[in-house]
Amino acid sequence: MFARLESAALHGIEAFTVQVEVDLQQGTPYWTLVGLPDTAVQESRDRVRTAIRNSGLYFPLLKLTVNLAPADVRKEGPAYDLPMAVGILAVSEQVPLEALENTLIVGELSLDGGVRPVNGVLSIAIHARETGKKRLIVPQANAAEAAVVGGVAVYGVESLLDAVQLLIHPDHKPPTRVDVNALLSQPAEYEVDFSEIKGQEQAKRALEIAAAGGHNVLLIGPPGSGKTMLARRLPTILPPMTLDEALETTRLYSAAGMLPPKTGLMTTRPFRSPHHTTSYAALVGGGSVPRPGEISLAHNGVLFLDELPEFKRDVLEAMRQPLEDGVVSVSRVQAAVQFPARCMLVAAMNPCPCGFYGDTHQQCQCNPTMIRKYLQRISGPLLDRIDIHLEVPRLRQEELLTLHAGESSAAIRERVVRARLRQLERLQPYGVVCNAQMSAKLVREHCPIGEDARSYLRTAVQRLGLSARAYDRIMKIARTIADLEGATTIQLPHLAEAVQYRSIDRRFWGSG
């Protein structure tokens, strides 16, 4: 007897169909599993056999052949346990064959017949909807995640016996439903707030501009000046995530197996802070089967790199392309995949090896050669891709002892949201959502300046030795400052403030 049903697998974060073909014939009892399975899939034979028997069902003692098609694509992971078990039950006439039509099944089995969660269910649900499936059977723990998609009936099952009952009696349980609008309308909860930051008004202003325009930021200052504290509060002033952004972020975390328990949809912008010993593959993504790295896990959120010069040179240089394109391309012998990586980069560093160059409270112990070598660990092309370079000085004593609470994240976020809406209205026809994503052509089109501003900018470019890319980034920052003020055109004060966020280039690196 022969049965065919459908499951799915991931290629990067995209799902594709895997047909599970089961054939049962008279002969010596033996189970053959083909279709390029890896070790985890090979081991599923023992899991499936034991799960069927421990569920009180019959495992046929005949010649059994299971094929996972397409046969030229390597199959990995335990997600095929449940569909293989259902296929075996179908060929042994314990489940009706017609019950498998227009149904996609994924799930891992435990030895007692329970169904465990698997990775990538959100992408699989999107694939099921796009391919016209009417029913999707997933582990109960993944049901809310899959139901976010809509357009396909999602059924969560807790055991193999539960799945069998559902296939025999379709009315055995109702499909899982999730109110996506209710999830998105819930305010994001953060443990930190901008009101906790004392002083550092210029730094807070710069981060507000960065959040409003989606700009990358480099914070330079001595130890204890508050660089990390500022960076960790940046997500609290970013606009709420849209449905598309939430789905993209959730797909990445689901594929990486990092989706928080009982989370159907990630509605809080991610904040990733890898250690400076992080490897190339961990930051960019990779592995024999490519998985998203830290820069992709920060998609639609913030990637914070503390102690920037301490990162390996090849790791930092690998970020240049993702910062420019918003996409990470990972190529391997077996596969080449792309992961979205549109995040805000916030980097922090000391001004010298000892950390106290330019500090007014403690004398620097580094000579000029040591400082130059330390700063040269960061390449000019990478610096050019960071829009705002900001010096964060040590707090003065009166600022440190003040009891006055600063402006709250909620108040700052309101201004950021208004500025983002102005940008979206202006740039949405071009497929761009914020000023930082504007191309050189869009900068020329949407950042006109008067003759006085042009003369000022010409002088700044000459004195600071700015590159063409740095020039464009100054224009983008000025456009964001104008949007925060509700101005339709860029005025000289907007441009002057934007230039100051590149002027420290000359102090530390000697050029833009």
Protein backbone atom coordinates (compact mmCIF):
# COMPACT_ATOMS: atom_id res chain seq x y z
CA MET A 1 0.00 0.00 0.00
CA PHE A 2 1.19 3.52 -0.77
CA ALA A 3 0.56 6.92 0.86
CA ARG A 4 1.83 10.41 0.13
CA LEU A 5 1.57 13.43 2.40
CA GLU A 6 3.32 16.77 2.65
CA SER A 7 5.69 18.30 5.15
CA ALA A 8 8.11 21.23 4.82
CA ALA A 9 11.72 22.23 5.41
CA LEU A 10 13.67 25.49 5.60
CA HIS A 11 16.20 27.00 3.22
CA GLY A 12 17.48 29.97 5.18
CA ILE A 13 14.19 31.41 6.40
CA GLU A 14 12.20 30.32 3.33
CA ALA A 15 10.19 27.10 3.51
CA PHE A 16 9.75 24.55 0.74
CA THR A 17 7.60 21.44 0.41
CA VAL A 18 8.94 18.00 1.30
CA GLN A 19 6.79 15.09 0.15
CA VAL A 20 6.78 12.11 2.50
CA GLU A 21 6.12 8.96 0.48
CA VAL A 22 5.42 5.75 2.40
CA ASP A 23 5.21 2.30 0.81
CA LEU A 24 4.27 -0.93 2.65
CA GLN A 25 4.84 -4.33 1.01
CA GLN A 26 4.92 -7.99 2.00
CA GLY A 27 8.39 -9.13 2.95
CA THR A 28 10.92 -9.32 5.72
CA PRO A 29 10.16 -6.64 8.34
CA TYR A 30 12.59 -3.80 7.61
CA TRP A 31 12.40 -0.03 7.40
CA THR A 32 14.31 1.75 4.63
CA LEU A 33 14.56 5.55 4.84
CA VAL A 34 15.79 7.36 1.71
CA GLY A 35 15.82 10.92 0.36
CA LEU A 36 19.19 12.20 1.63
CA PRO A 37 18.37 12.19 5.38
CA ASP A 38 20.93 13.41 7.91
CA THR A 39 21.71 11.64 11.19
CA ALA A 40 18.78 13.21 13.07
CA VAL A 41 16.35 12.05 10.39
CA GLN A 42 17.91 8.58 10.24
CA GLU A 43 17.41 8.23 13.98
CA SER A 44 13.73 9.07 13.58
CA ARG A 45 13.07 5.42 12.68
CA ASP A 46 13.48 4.38 16.29
CA ARG A 47 11.57 7.40 17.62
CA VAL A 48 8.64 6.90 15.25
CA ARG A 49 8.39 3.14 15.83
CA THR A 50 8.46 3.52 19.61
CA ALA A 51 6.05 6.50 19.60
CA ILE A 52 3.50 4.56 17.54
CA ARG A 53 3.61 1.56 19.88
CA ASN A 54 3.52 3.64 23.06
CA SER A 55 0.47 5.47 21.70
CA GLY A 56 -1.44 2.17 21.62
CA LEU A 57 -1.32 2.02 17.80
CA TYR A 58 -0.10 -0.77 15.54
CA PHE A 59 3.30 -0.64 13.83
CA PRO A 60 3.23 -2.92 10.73
CA LEU A 61 5.80 -5.74 10.70
CA LEU A 62 6.31 -5.68 6.93
CA LYS A 63 8.76 -4.18 4.43
CA LEU A 64 8.49 -0.42 4.86
CA THR A 65 10.06 2.21 2.59
CA VAL A 66 9.90 5.95 3.32
CA ASN A 67 11.15 8.53 0.80
CA LEU A 68 11.62 12.24 1.48
CA ALA A 69 11.38 14.14 -1.80
CA PRO A 70 13.04 16.01 -3.43
CA ALA A 71 15.78 13.42 -3.04
CA ASP A 72 18.65 15.76 -3.99
CA VAL A 73 18.10 18.13 -1.03
CA ARG A 74 19.54 17.13 2.33
CA LYS A 75 16.86 16.69 5.02
CA GLU A 76 17.75 17.78 8.53
CA GLY A 77 16.19 17.84 11.95
CA PRO A 78 13.35 15.98 13.65
CA ALA A 79 10.42 17.82 12.05
CA TYR A 80 9.61 14.82 9.80
CA ASP A 81 8.81 12.48 12.73
CA LEU A 82 5.10 13.29 12.85
CA PRO A 83 4.44 13.19 9.08
CA MET A 84 6.32 9.88 8.78
CA ALA A 85 4.31 8.39 11.64
CA VAL A 86 1.06 9.57 10.09
CA GLY A 87 2.12 8.12 6.72
CA ILE A 88 2.85 4.73 8.30
CA LEU A 89 -0.53 4.77 10.02
CA ALA A 90 -2.16 5.65 6.70
CA VAL A 91 -0.60 2.73 4.76
CA SER A 92 -1.57 0.39 7.60
CA GLU A 93 -5.17 1.67 7.31
CA GLN A 94 -5.31 3.29 10.75
CA VAL A 95 -5.77 6.75 9.21
CA PRO A 96 -7.89 7.37 6.07
CA LEU A 97 -5.81 8.37 3.03
CA GLU A 98 -8.28 11.08 2.00
CA ALA A 99 -7.67 12.81 5.35
CA LEU A 100 -4.15 13.70 4.15
CA GLU A 101 -5.29 15.83 1.20
CA ASN A 102 -4.51 19.58 1.34
CA THR A 103 -2.78 19.03 4.67
CA LEU A 104 0.77 19.88 5.69
CA ILE A 105 2.25 18.26 8.81
CA VAL A 106 5.40 18.96 10.87
CA GLY A 107 6.46 17.89 14.34
CA GLU A 108 8.98 15.98 16.43
CA LEU A 109 7.91 12.90 18.36
CA SER A 110 8.99 11.83 21.82
CA LEU A 111 9.15 8.15 22.73
CA ASP A 112 5.84 8.29 24.60
CA GLY A 113 4.04 9.69 21.55
CA GLY A 114 4.12 13.33 22.58
CA VAL A 115 4.74 16.04 19.97
CA ARG A 116 7.58 18.47 20.58
CA PRO A 117 8.02 21.93 18.99
CA VAL A 118 10.22 22.48 15.93
CA ASN A 119 11.96 25.49 14.38
CA GLY A 120 10.75 27.62 11.48
CA VAL A 121 7.00 27.05 11.87
CA LEU A 122 6.09 30.63 10.95
CA SER A 123 7.86 30.31 7.58
CA ILE A 124 6.21 26.92 7.08
CA ALA A 125 2.78 28.45 7.77
CA ILE A 126 3.43 31.19 5.20
CA HIS A 127 4.46 28.51 2.70
CA ALA A 128 1.32 26.48 3.46
CA ARG A 129 -0.85 29.51 2.76
CA GLU A 130 1.00 30.38 -0.44
CA THR A 131 0.69 26.81 -1.77
CA GLY A 132 -3.05 26.65 -1.09
CA LYS A 133 -3.06 24.19 1.81
CA LYS A 134 -6.28 24.19 3.78
CA ARG A 135 -4.93 22.63 6.96
CA LEU A 136 -1.64 22.80 8.86
CA ILE A 137 -0.92 20.39 11.71
CA VAL A 138 1.89 21.52 14.02
CA PRO A 139 3.01 20.91 17.62
CA GLN A 140 0.75 22.60 20.14
CA ALA A 141 3.68 24.76 21.31
CA ASN A 142 4.02 26.17 17.76
CA ALA A 143 0.28 26.69 17.12
CA ALA A 144 0.11 30.36 18.11
CA GLU A 145 3.17 31.13 15.98
CA ALA A 146 1.64 29.47 12.90
CA ALA A 147 -1.82 30.98 13.45
CA VAL A 148 -0.40 34.49 13.15
CA VAL A 149 -0.23 34.03 9.37
CA GLY A 150 -3.93 33.51 8.63
CA GLY A 151 -5.38 32.02 5.45
CA VAL A 152 -4.83 28.42 6.58
CA ALA A 153 -6.49 26.44 9.40
CA VAL A 154 -3.84 25.73 12.04
CA TYR A 155 -4.27 22.79 14.41
CA GLY A 156 -1.91 22.27 17.31
CA VAL A 157 -1.53 18.70 18.55
CA GLU A 158 0.02 17.53 21.79
CA SER A 159 0.49 13.87 20.85
CA LEU A 160 0.46 11.45 17.95
CA LEU A 161 -2.86 10.11 19.18
CA ASP A 162 -4.23 13.67 19.16
CA ALA A 163 -3.14 14.03 15.50
CA VAL A 164 -4.78 10.72 14.58
CA GLN A 165 -8.05 11.75 16.22
CA LEU A 166 -7.95 15.04 14.30
CA LEU A 167 -7.42 13.26 10.96
CA ILE A 168 -10.19 10.74 11.60
CA HIS A 169 -12.59 13.28 13.12
CA PRO A 170 -11.88 16.77 11.68
CA ASP A 171 -14.24 18.31 14.24
CA HIS A 172 -12.20 16.84 17.08
CA LYS A 173 -10.85 20.29 17.96
CA PRO A 174 -11.20 23.85 16.62
CA PRO A 175 -8.34 25.56 14.78
CA THR A 176 -6.06 27.90 16.69
CA ARG A 177 -6.84 31.59 16.24
CA VAL A 178 -4.69 34.61 17.10
CA ASP A 179 -5.74 38.26 17.13
CA VAL A 180 -2.73 39.87 15.44
CA ASN A 181 -4.07 43.40 15.85
CA ALA A 182 -4.39 42.86 19.60
CA LEU A 183 -0.78 41.64 19.77
CA LEU A 184 0.51 44.66 17.86
CA SER A 185 -1.56 47.11 19.88
CA GLN A 186 -0.01 46.00 23.16
CA PRO A 187 2.62 48.54 24.27
CA ALA A 188 6.16 47.18 24.31
CA GLU A 189 7.50 46.62 27.81
CA TYR A 190 11.09 47.63 28.54
CA GLU A 191 12.99 47.34 31.79
CA VAL A 192 14.92 50.56 31.08
CA ASP A 193 13.96 54.14 30.23
CA PHE A 194 15.67 57.31 29.03
CA SER A 195 14.47 59.12 32.16
CA GLU A 196 17.08 57.15 34.11
CA ILE A 197 19.96 58.82 32.26
CA LYS A 198 21.47 61.80 34.05
CA GLY A 199 22.98 64.54 31.95
CA GLN A 200 24.34 63.63 28.48
CA GLU A 201 21.82 65.92 26.76
CA GLN A 202 23.80 66.02 23.52
CA ALA A 203 24.05 62.23 23.44
CA LYS A 204 20.31 61.85 24.04
CA ARG A 205 19.61 64.36 21.30
CA ALA A 206 21.86 62.43 18.90
CA LEU A 207 20.14 59.13 19.70
CA GLU A 208 16.75 60.75 19.13
CA ILE A 209 17.95 61.82 15.67
CA ALA A 210 19.35 58.35 15.05
CA ALA A 211 16.05 56.71 16.03
CA ALA A 212 14.03 59.14 13.91
CA GLY A 213 16.07 58.49 10.77
CA GLY A 214 17.33 54.95 11.34
CA HIS A 215 20.96 56.14 11.45
CA ASN A 216 23.96 54.16 12.69
CA VAL A 217 25.82 55.62 15.69
CA LEU A 218 29.35 55.45 17.09
CA LEU A 219 29.76 56.47 20.75
CA ILE A 220 33.28 57.46 21.82
CA GLY A 221 34.12 58.15 25.43
CA PRO A 222 36.01 57.05 28.56
CA PRO A 223 34.90 54.07 30.70
CA GLY A 224 31.88 54.88 32.85
CA SER A 225 30.63 57.77 30.72
CA GLY A 226 27.33 55.97 30.00
CA LYS A 227 27.84 54.63 26.46
CA THR A 228 26.31 51.23 27.17
CA MET A 229 23.51 52.76 29.21
CA LEU A 230 22.58 55.01 26.30
CA ALA A 231 22.72 52.20 23.74
CA ARG A 232 20.51 49.85 25.76
CA ARG A 233 17.79 52.48 25.90
CA LEU A 234 17.72 53.18 22.18
CA PRO A 235 15.07 50.49 21.40
CA THR A 236 12.71 52.19 23.87
CA ILE A 237 12.38 55.25 21.61
CA LEU A 238 12.10 53.42 18.28
CA PRO A 239 8.66 53.35 16.58
CA PRO A 240 6.42 50.32 17.26
CA MET A 241 6.91 47.47 14.82
CA THR A 242 4.54 47.09 11.88
CA LEU A 243 3.02 43.69 11.07
CA ASP A 244 5.49 43.09 8.24
CA GLU A 245 8.44 43.94 10.50
CA ALA A 246 7.11 41.70 13.28
CA LEU A 247 6.66 38.79 10.86
CA GLU A 248 10.17 39.21 9.42
CA THR A 249 11.74 39.32 12.88
CA THR A 250 9.71 36.36 14.15
CA ARG A 251 10.69 34.27 11.11
CA LEU A 252 14.37 34.83 11.85
CA TYR A 253 14.07 33.91 15.52
CA SER A 254 11.88 30.92 14.69
CA ALA A 255 14.37 29.61 12.12
CA ALA A 256 17.21 30.06 14.60
CA GLY A 257 15.27 28.24 17.33
CA MET A 258 15.38 31.35 19.53
CA LEU A 259 11.70 32.33 19.63
CA PRO A 260 10.69 32.85 23.28
CA PRO A 261 8.25 30.22 24.64
CA LYS A 262 4.54 30.92 24.13
CA THR A 263 5.37 33.78 21.78
CA GLY A 264 3.27 33.82 18.62
CA LEU A 265 4.68 37.09 17.32
CA MET A 266 7.66 39.22 18.33
CA THR A 267 6.32 42.73 18.76
CA THR A 268 9.29 44.25 20.61
CA ARG A 269 12.27 45.40 18.59
CA PRO A 270 15.29 43.17 19.24
CA PHE A 271 18.47 44.36 20.92
CA ARG A 272 21.53 42.19 20.28
CA SER A 273 24.83 42.76 22.04
CA PRO A 274 27.43 40.13 21.03
CA HIS A 275 30.74 39.95 22.90
CA HIS A 276 33.84 41.24 21.13
CA THR A 277 35.17 37.66 20.91
CA THR A 278 32.25 36.74 18.62
CA SER A 279 33.32 34.82 15.53
CA TYR A 280 32.69 35.76 11.91
CA ALA A 281 30.00 33.07 11.49
CA ALA A 282 28.25 34.01 14.75
CA LEU A 283 27.95 37.66 13.74
CA VAL A 284 27.19 37.32 10.03
CA GLY A 285 25.59 33.87 9.96
CA GLY A 286 26.82 30.54 8.71
CA GLY A 287 27.36 26.91 9.57
CA SER A 288 27.22 23.84 7.34
CA VAL A 289 23.53 24.64 7.05
CA PRO A 290 23.44 28.47 7.17
CA ARG A 291 21.72 29.97 10.19
CA PRO A 292 21.12 33.67 10.88
CA GLY A 293 23.84 35.49 12.79
CA GLU A 294 23.68 38.35 15.26
CA ILE A 295 23.34 41.03 12.61
CA SER A 296 20.24 39.27 11.23
CA LEU A 297 18.83 38.60 14.70
CA ALA A 298 18.99 42.38 15.18
CA HIS A 299 16.85 42.91 12.05
CA ASN A 300 14.36 45.76 12.62
CA GLY A 301 16.11 46.46 15.92
CA VAL A 302 19.49 47.43 17.33
CA LEU A 303 22.87 45.72 17.06
CA PHE A 304 25.18 47.00 19.79
CA LEU A 305 28.91 46.38 19.46
CA ASP A 306 30.67 47.41 22.64
CA GLU A 307 34.48 47.83 22.61
CA LEU A 308 34.40 48.09 18.81
CA PRO A 309 38.20 48.04 18.22
CA GLU A 310 38.46 44.75 20.14
CA PHE A 311 36.45 42.87 17.50
CA LYS A 312 38.49 40.91 14.96
CA ARG A 313 39.21 42.88 11.79
CA ASP A 314 37.57 40.34 9.47
CA VAL A 315 34.41 40.37 11.61
CA LEU A 316 34.11 44.15 11.37
CA GLU A 317 34.86 44.24 7.65
CA ALA A 318 32.18 41.60 7.04
CA MET A 319 29.59 44.11 8.27
CA ARG A 320 30.23 46.62 5.51
CA GLN A 321 27.99 44.96 2.93
CA PRO A 322 25.06 44.24 5.30
CA LEU A 323 25.12 47.81 6.61
CA GLU A 324 24.89 49.11 3.06
CA ASP A 325 22.39 46.64 1.58
CA GLY A 326 20.39 45.44 4.59
CA VAL A 327 20.94 41.82 3.52
CA VAL A 328 23.48 39.14 4.49
CA SER A 329 24.50 36.65 1.81
CA VAL A 330 25.93 33.37 3.11
CA SER A 331 27.35 30.94 0.56
CA ARG A 332 28.22 27.32 1.26
CA VAL A 333 28.97 24.31 -0.92
CA GLN A 334 25.53 22.88 -0.24
CA ALA A 335 23.52 26.10 -0.22
CA ALA A 336 23.56 29.86 -0.68
CA VAL A 337 21.03 31.84 1.32
CA GLN A 338 20.17 35.42 2.14
CA PHE A 339 19.08 36.71 5.53
CA PRO A 340 17.55 40.16 6.08
CA ALA A 341 19.82 42.40 8.18
CA ARG A 342 18.26 45.85 8.22
CA CYS A 343 19.25 47.00 11.70
CA MET A 344 20.59 50.06 13.45
CA LEU A 345 24.23 49.68 14.40
CA VAL A 346 25.27 51.29 17.66
CA ALA A 347 28.97 50.91 18.38
CA ALA A 348 30.87 52.08 21.45
CA MET A 349 34.58 52.47 22.01
CA ASN A 350 37.20 54.11 24.21
CA PRO A 351 39.25 56.91 22.62
CA CYS A 352 42.51 55.06 23.34
CA PRO A 353 43.78 51.76 24.83
CA CYS A 354 43.66 53.04 28.43
CA GLY A 355 40.36 54.81 27.75
CA PHE A 356 41.19 58.26 29.09
CA TYR A 357 42.43 60.24 26.10
CA GLY A 358 40.86 63.70 26.40
CA ASP A 359 39.34 62.93 29.81
CA THR A 360 39.31 65.84 32.26
CA HIS A 361 39.42 63.65 35.39
CA GLN A 362 42.12 61.09 34.68
CA GLN A 363 45.34 61.40 32.72
CA CYS A 364 45.82 59.28 29.61
CA GLN A 365 48.74 56.82 29.80
CA CYS A 366 48.98 56.21 26.02
CA ASN A 367 51.50 57.72 23.63
CA PRO A 368 50.41 58.98 20.17
CA THR A 369 51.60 55.81 18.43
CA MET A 370 49.51 53.60 20.72
CA ILE A 371 46.45 55.77 20.16
CA ARG A 372 46.91 55.78 16.38
CA LYS A 373 47.30 51.98 16.21
CA TYR A 374 44.25 51.53 18.42
CA LEU A 375 42.05 53.73 16.23
CA GLN A 376 43.36 52.15 13.02
CA ARG A 377 41.72 48.88 14.02
CA ILE A 378 38.56 50.41 12.57
CA SER A 379 38.76 50.95 8.84
CA GLY A 380 37.74 54.14 7.09
CA PRO A 381 35.10 52.41 4.91
CA LEU A 382 33.39 51.04 8.02
CA LEU A 383 33.45 54.46 9.70
CA ASP A 384 31.92 55.97 6.57
CA ARG A 385 28.92 53.66 7.02
CA ILE A 386 28.26 55.00 10.52
CA ASP A 387 26.24 58.20 10.18
CA ILE A 388 26.64 59.77 13.60
CA HIS A 389 29.99 59.93 15.43
CA LEU A 390 29.37 61.15 18.95
CA GLU A 391 31.72 61.99 21.80
CA VAL A 392 30.31 60.96 25.20
CA PRO A 393 32.24 62.77 27.98
CA ARG A 394 32.32 61.77 31.63
CA LEU A 395 29.48 63.23 33.70
CA ARG A 396 30.21 66.29 35.77
CA GLN A 397 29.75 65.96 39.53
CA GLU A 398 26.66 68.18 39.61
CA GLU A 399 25.04 66.09 36.86
CA LEU A 400 25.82 62.86 38.68
CA LEU A 401 24.28 64.04 41.96
CA THR A 402 21.15 65.63 40.52
CA LEU A 403 17.77 64.18 41.47
CA HIS A 404 16.06 65.60 38.41
CA ALA A 405 14.59 62.89 36.16
CA GLY A 406 15.26 63.20 32.46
CA GLU A 407 12.70 63.08 29.66
CA SER A 408 10.94 59.72 29.39
CA SER A 409 11.31 57.32 26.50
CA ALA A 410 7.59 57.64 25.75
CA ALA A 411 7.86 61.40 25.22
CA ILE A 412 10.89 61.04 22.94
CA ARG A 413 9.25 58.20 21.03
CA GLU A 414 6.25 60.39 20.18
CA ARG A 415 8.53 62.84 18.34
CA VAL A 416 10.36 59.96 16.65
CA VAL A 417 7.10 58.44 15.42
CA ARG A 418 5.95 61.77 13.96
CA ALA A 419 9.26 62.19 12.13
CA ARG A 420 9.08 58.62 10.79
CA LEU A 421 5.57 59.21 9.47
CA ARG A 422 6.81 62.24 7.53
CA GLN A 423 9.59 60.12 6.04
CA LEU A 424 7.24 57.27 5.19
CA GLU A 425 4.88 59.64 3.38
CA ARG A 426 7.78 61.04 1.36
CA LEU A 427 9.74 57.85 0.66
CA GLN A 428 7.21 55.00 0.57
CA PRO A 429 6.75 55.22 -3.23
CA TYR A 430 10.46 54.28 -3.52
CA GLY A 431 10.23 51.30 -1.17
CA VAL A 432 12.14 53.18 1.55
CA VAL A 433 10.90 53.72 5.11
CA CYS A 434 13.46 56.08 6.68
CA ASN A 435 16.08 58.64 5.72
CA ALA A 436 19.06 56.38 6.43
CA GLN A 437 17.93 54.07 3.60
CA MET A 438 17.89 56.80 0.94
CA SER A 439 20.11 56.27 -2.08
CA ALA A 440 22.34 59.03 -3.45
CA LYS A 441 19.67 59.76 -6.04
CA LEU A 442 16.97 60.16 -3.38
CA VAL A 443 19.28 62.39 -1.34
CA ARG A 444 19.64 64.76 -4.28
CA GLU A 445 15.88 64.70 -4.88
CA HIS A 446 14.59 65.10 -1.31
CA CYS A 447 17.37 67.06 0.39
CA PRO A 448 17.48 70.44 -1.39
CA ILE A 449 19.39 73.22 0.38
CA GLY A 450 19.72 76.96 -0.10
CA GLU A 451 22.82 78.80 -1.25
CA ASP A 452 23.85 79.79 2.30
CA ALA A 453 23.61 76.19 3.47
CA ARG A 454 25.47 75.02 0.38
CA SER A 455 28.32 77.44 1.04
CA TYR A 456 28.55 76.29 4.66
CA LEU A 457 28.59 72.65 3.61
CA ARG A 458 31.27 73.29 1.01
CA THR A 459 33.51 74.78 3.70
CA ALA A 460 32.82 71.88 6.08
CA VAL A 461 33.66 69.28 3.46
CA GLN A 462 36.92 71.04 2.64
CA ARG A 463 38.03 71.49 6.26
CA LEU A 464 37.03 68.01 7.46
CA GLY A 465 38.14 66.17 4.33
CA LEU A 466 34.84 64.31 4.11
CA SER A 467 34.29 61.51 1.60
CA ALA A 468 31.38 61.43 -0.83
CA ARG A 469 29.65 58.84 1.37
CA ALA A 470 30.14 61.03 4.46
CA TYR A 471 28.68 63.98 2.53
CA ASP A 472 25.53 61.96 1.75
CA ARG A 473 25.22 60.90 5.37
CA ILE A 474 25.39 64.51 6.55
CA MET A 475 22.54 65.34 4.18
CA LYS A 476 20.49 62.42 5.50
CA ILE A 477 21.04 63.49 9.10
CA ALA A 478 20.08 67.07 8.25
CA ARG A 479 16.92 65.78 6.58
CA THR A 480 16.05 63.85 9.75
CA ILE A 481 16.63 66.90 11.96
CA ALA A 482 14.29 68.88 9.70
CA ASP A 483 11.69 66.10 9.95
CA LEU A 484 11.87 66.18 13.76
CA GLU A 485 11.10 69.90 13.63
CA GLY A 486 8.38 69.45 11.01
CA ALA A 487 10.28 71.55 8.46
CA THR A 488 9.69 70.85 4.77
CA THR A 489 13.16 71.99 3.72
CA ILE A 490 16.65 71.71 5.18
CA GLN A 491 17.75 74.95 6.79
CA LEU A 492 21.25 76.10 7.78
CA PRO A 493 20.78 75.22 11.52
CA HIS A 494 19.78 71.65 10.55
CA LEU A 495 22.88 71.32 8.42
CA ALA A 496 25.16 72.81 11.07
CA GLU A 497 23.92 70.34 13.67
CA ALA A 498 24.37 67.45 11.23
CA VAL A 499 27.98 68.45 10.48
CA GLN A 500 28.92 68.43 14.15
CA TYR A 501 28.11 64.73 14.30
CA ARG A 502 30.98 64.16 11.85
CA SER A 503 33.36 66.84 13.10
CA ILE A 504 34.99 64.63 15.76
CA ASP A 505 36.34 62.50 12.88
CA ARG A 506 39.13 65.00 12.52
CA ARG A 507 40.02 64.91 16.22
CA PHE A 508 40.30 61.13 16.44
CA TRP A 509 41.05 59.95 12.90
CA GLY A 510 42.26 63.11 11.20
CA SER A 511 39.72 62.85 8.35
CA GLY A 512 36.10 62.02 7.53
